[in-house]
C-alpha cells in the first residue's frame, strides 16, 4: 500500500514523504518508516500524519 507521511521535529519545517509498505496498520507503517528510513529523536517530534493514498 502507498502512504503519505508528514512529520515535524524541533525547529524543522514539516516534511512530507510518500512511502510504500506491506504492513497492515498505520501504526506498524509508522514504526517501520521511522526505524528504517528517518533518523529522528522521538522526543523531538511535534506532529505526525499518515494517509493511505493507494494500493
N, C-alpha and C. Protein backbone atom coordinates (compact mmCIF):
# COMPACT_ATOMS: atom_id res chain seq x y z
N UNK A 1 0.83 -1.17 0.00
CA UNK A 1 0.00 0.00 0.00
C UNK A 1 0.88 1.24 0.00
N UNK A 2 0.34 2.32 -0.52
CA UNK A 2 1.05 3.58 -0.60
C UNK A 2 0.51 4.54 0.44
N UNK A 3 1.43 5.25 1.09
CA UNK A 3 1.07 6.19 2.14
C UNK A 3 1.76 7.53 1.91
N UNK A 4 1.14 8.57 2.41
CA UNK A 4 1.80 9.86 2.51
C UNK A 4 1.99 10.11 4.00
N UNK A 5 3.23 10.33 4.39
CA UNK A 5 3.56 10.54 5.79
C UNK A 5 4.13 11.95 5.94
N UNK A 6 3.61 12.68 6.89
CA UNK A 6 4.15 14.01 7.18
C UNK A 6 4.54 14.07 8.64
N UNK A 7 5.63 14.81 8.91
CA UNK A 7 6.07 14.94 10.29
C UNK A 7 6.88 16.21 10.46
N UNK A 8 6.96 16.66 11.69
CA UNK A 8 7.73 17.84 12.04
C UNK A 8 8.51 17.55 13.31
N UNK A 9 9.77 17.97 13.32
CA UNK A 9 10.61 17.83 14.51
C UNK A 9 11.03 19.23 14.96
N UNK A 10 11.66 19.33 16.10
CA UNK A 10 12.07 20.62 16.67
C UNK A 10 12.72 21.53 15.63
N UNK A 11 12.14 22.69 15.41
CA UNK A 11 12.75 23.71 14.58
C UNK A 11 12.81 23.40 13.10
N UNK A 12 12.19 22.34 12.64
CA UNK A 12 12.24 21.97 11.23
C UNK A 12 10.88 22.23 10.57
N UNK A 13 10.92 22.41 9.26
CA UNK A 13 9.68 22.50 8.51
C UNK A 13 9.04 21.12 8.45
N UNK A 14 7.75 21.10 8.18
CA UNK A 14 7.05 19.83 8.01
C UNK A 14 7.61 19.15 6.77
N UNK A 15 7.94 17.88 6.93
CA UNK A 15 8.43 17.08 5.81
C UNK A 15 7.33 16.12 5.38
N UNK A 16 7.12 16.01 4.09
CA UNK A 16 6.10 15.12 3.54
C UNK A 16 6.79 14.13 2.61
N UNK A 17 6.53 12.84 2.84
CA UNK A 17 7.16 11.82 2.03
C UNK A 17 6.13 10.78 1.61
N UNK A 18 6.31 10.22 0.43
CA UNK A 18 5.50 9.08 0.01
C UNK A 18 6.26 7.82 0.39
N UNK A 19 5.52 6.81 0.81
CA UNK A 19 6.14 5.59 1.33
C UNK A 19 5.29 4.38 0.97
N UNK A 20 5.95 3.29 0.62
CA UNK A 20 5.27 2.03 0.30
C UNK A 20 5.58 1.02 1.38
N UNK A 21 4.55 0.30 1.85
CA UNK A 21 4.75 -0.69 2.91
C UNK A 21 3.77 -1.84 2.75
N UNK A 22 4.15 -2.98 3.27
CA UNK A 22 3.26 -4.14 3.29
C UNK A 22 2.64 -4.35 4.67
N UNK A 23 2.93 -3.45 5.61
CA UNK A 23 2.37 -3.55 6.96
C UNK A 23 0.85 -3.39 6.91
N UNK A 24 0.17 -3.96 7.92
CA UNK A 24 -1.30 -3.96 7.92
C UNK A 24 -1.94 -2.75 8.59
N UNK A 25 -1.25 -2.10 9.51
CA UNK A 25 -1.85 -0.99 10.26
C UNK A 25 -1.02 0.27 10.12
N UNK A 26 -1.64 1.44 10.24
CA UNK A 26 -0.89 2.69 10.17
C UNK A 26 0.22 2.79 11.22
N UNK A 27 -0.03 2.29 12.42
CA UNK A 27 1.00 2.33 13.47
C UNK A 27 2.22 1.51 13.06
N UNK A 28 1.99 0.32 12.51
CA UNK A 28 3.09 -0.53 12.06
C UNK A 28 3.85 0.14 10.91
N UNK A 29 3.14 0.82 10.03
CA UNK A 29 3.79 1.54 8.93
C UNK A 29 4.69 2.64 9.49
N UNK A 30 4.18 3.42 10.45
CA UNK A 30 4.99 4.49 11.03
C UNK A 30 6.21 3.94 11.76
N UNK A 31 6.04 2.85 12.51
CA UNK A 31 7.18 2.25 13.20
C UNK A 31 8.25 1.84 12.20
N UNK A 32 7.85 1.17 11.13
CA UNK A 32 8.79 0.75 10.10
C UNK A 32 9.47 1.95 9.45
N UNK A 33 8.68 2.95 9.09
CA UNK A 33 9.19 4.15 8.42
C UNK A 33 10.26 4.84 9.26
N UNK A 34 9.97 5.09 10.52
CA UNK A 34 10.94 5.81 11.36
C UNK A 34 12.13 4.93 11.73
N UNK A 35 11.93 3.65 11.89
CA UNK A 35 13.03 2.75 12.24
C UNK A 35 14.02 2.60 11.08
N UNK A 36 13.51 2.49 9.86
CA UNK A 36 14.36 2.15 8.72
C UNK A 36 14.78 3.31 7.83
N UNK A 37 14.03 4.43 7.85
CA UNK A 37 14.29 5.46 6.85
C UNK A 37 14.54 6.87 7.39
N UNK A 38 14.13 7.15 8.58
CA UNK A 38 14.28 8.51 9.10
C UNK A 38 14.89 8.44 10.49
N UNK A 39 15.99 9.13 10.66
CA UNK A 39 16.65 9.16 11.96
C UNK A 39 16.25 10.43 12.71
N UNK A 40 15.20 10.33 13.50
CA UNK A 40 14.69 11.46 14.27
C UNK A 40 14.54 11.02 15.71
N UNK A 41 14.96 11.87 16.62
CA UNK A 41 14.75 11.60 18.04
C UNK A 41 13.24 11.66 18.30
N UNK A 42 12.64 10.58 18.79
CA UNK A 42 11.18 10.57 19.02
C UNK A 42 10.69 11.70 19.91
N UNK A 43 11.52 12.15 20.84
CA UNK A 43 11.12 13.23 21.74
C UNK A 43 11.05 14.58 21.02
N UNK A 44 11.69 14.69 19.86
CA UNK A 44 11.68 15.96 19.13
C UNK A 44 10.51 16.09 18.17
N UNK A 45 9.75 15.01 17.96
CA UNK A 45 8.62 15.06 17.04
C UNK A 45 7.51 15.94 17.60
N UNK A 46 7.01 16.83 16.75
CA UNK A 46 5.92 17.73 17.15
C UNK A 46 4.59 17.34 16.53
N UNK A 47 4.64 16.55 15.49
CA UNK A 47 3.41 16.12 14.84
C UNK A 47 3.70 15.07 13.78
N UNK A 48 2.77 14.14 13.61
CA UNK A 48 2.90 13.09 12.61
C UNK A 48 1.53 12.91 11.96
N UNK A 49 1.53 12.77 10.65
CA UNK A 49 0.29 12.45 9.94
C UNK A 49 0.55 11.33 8.95
N UNK A 50 -0.45 10.49 8.75
CA UNK A 50 -0.33 9.41 7.78
C UNK A 50 -1.67 9.25 7.06
N UNK A 51 -1.60 9.15 5.73
CA UNK A 51 -2.78 8.98 4.90
C UNK A 51 -2.48 7.88 3.88
N UNK A 52 -3.39 6.92 3.77
CA UNK A 52 -3.24 5.90 2.74
C UNK A 52 -3.69 6.49 1.42
N UNK A 53 -2.83 6.42 0.39
CA UNK A 53 -3.15 7.07 -0.88
C UNK A 53 -3.31 6.07 -2.02
N UNK A 54 -3.24 4.79 -1.75
CA UNK A 54 -3.45 3.81 -2.81
C UNK A 54 -2.97 2.43 -2.41
N UNK A 55 -3.19 1.48 -3.33
CA UNK A 55 -2.75 0.11 -3.08
C UNK A 55 -1.72 -0.31 -4.08
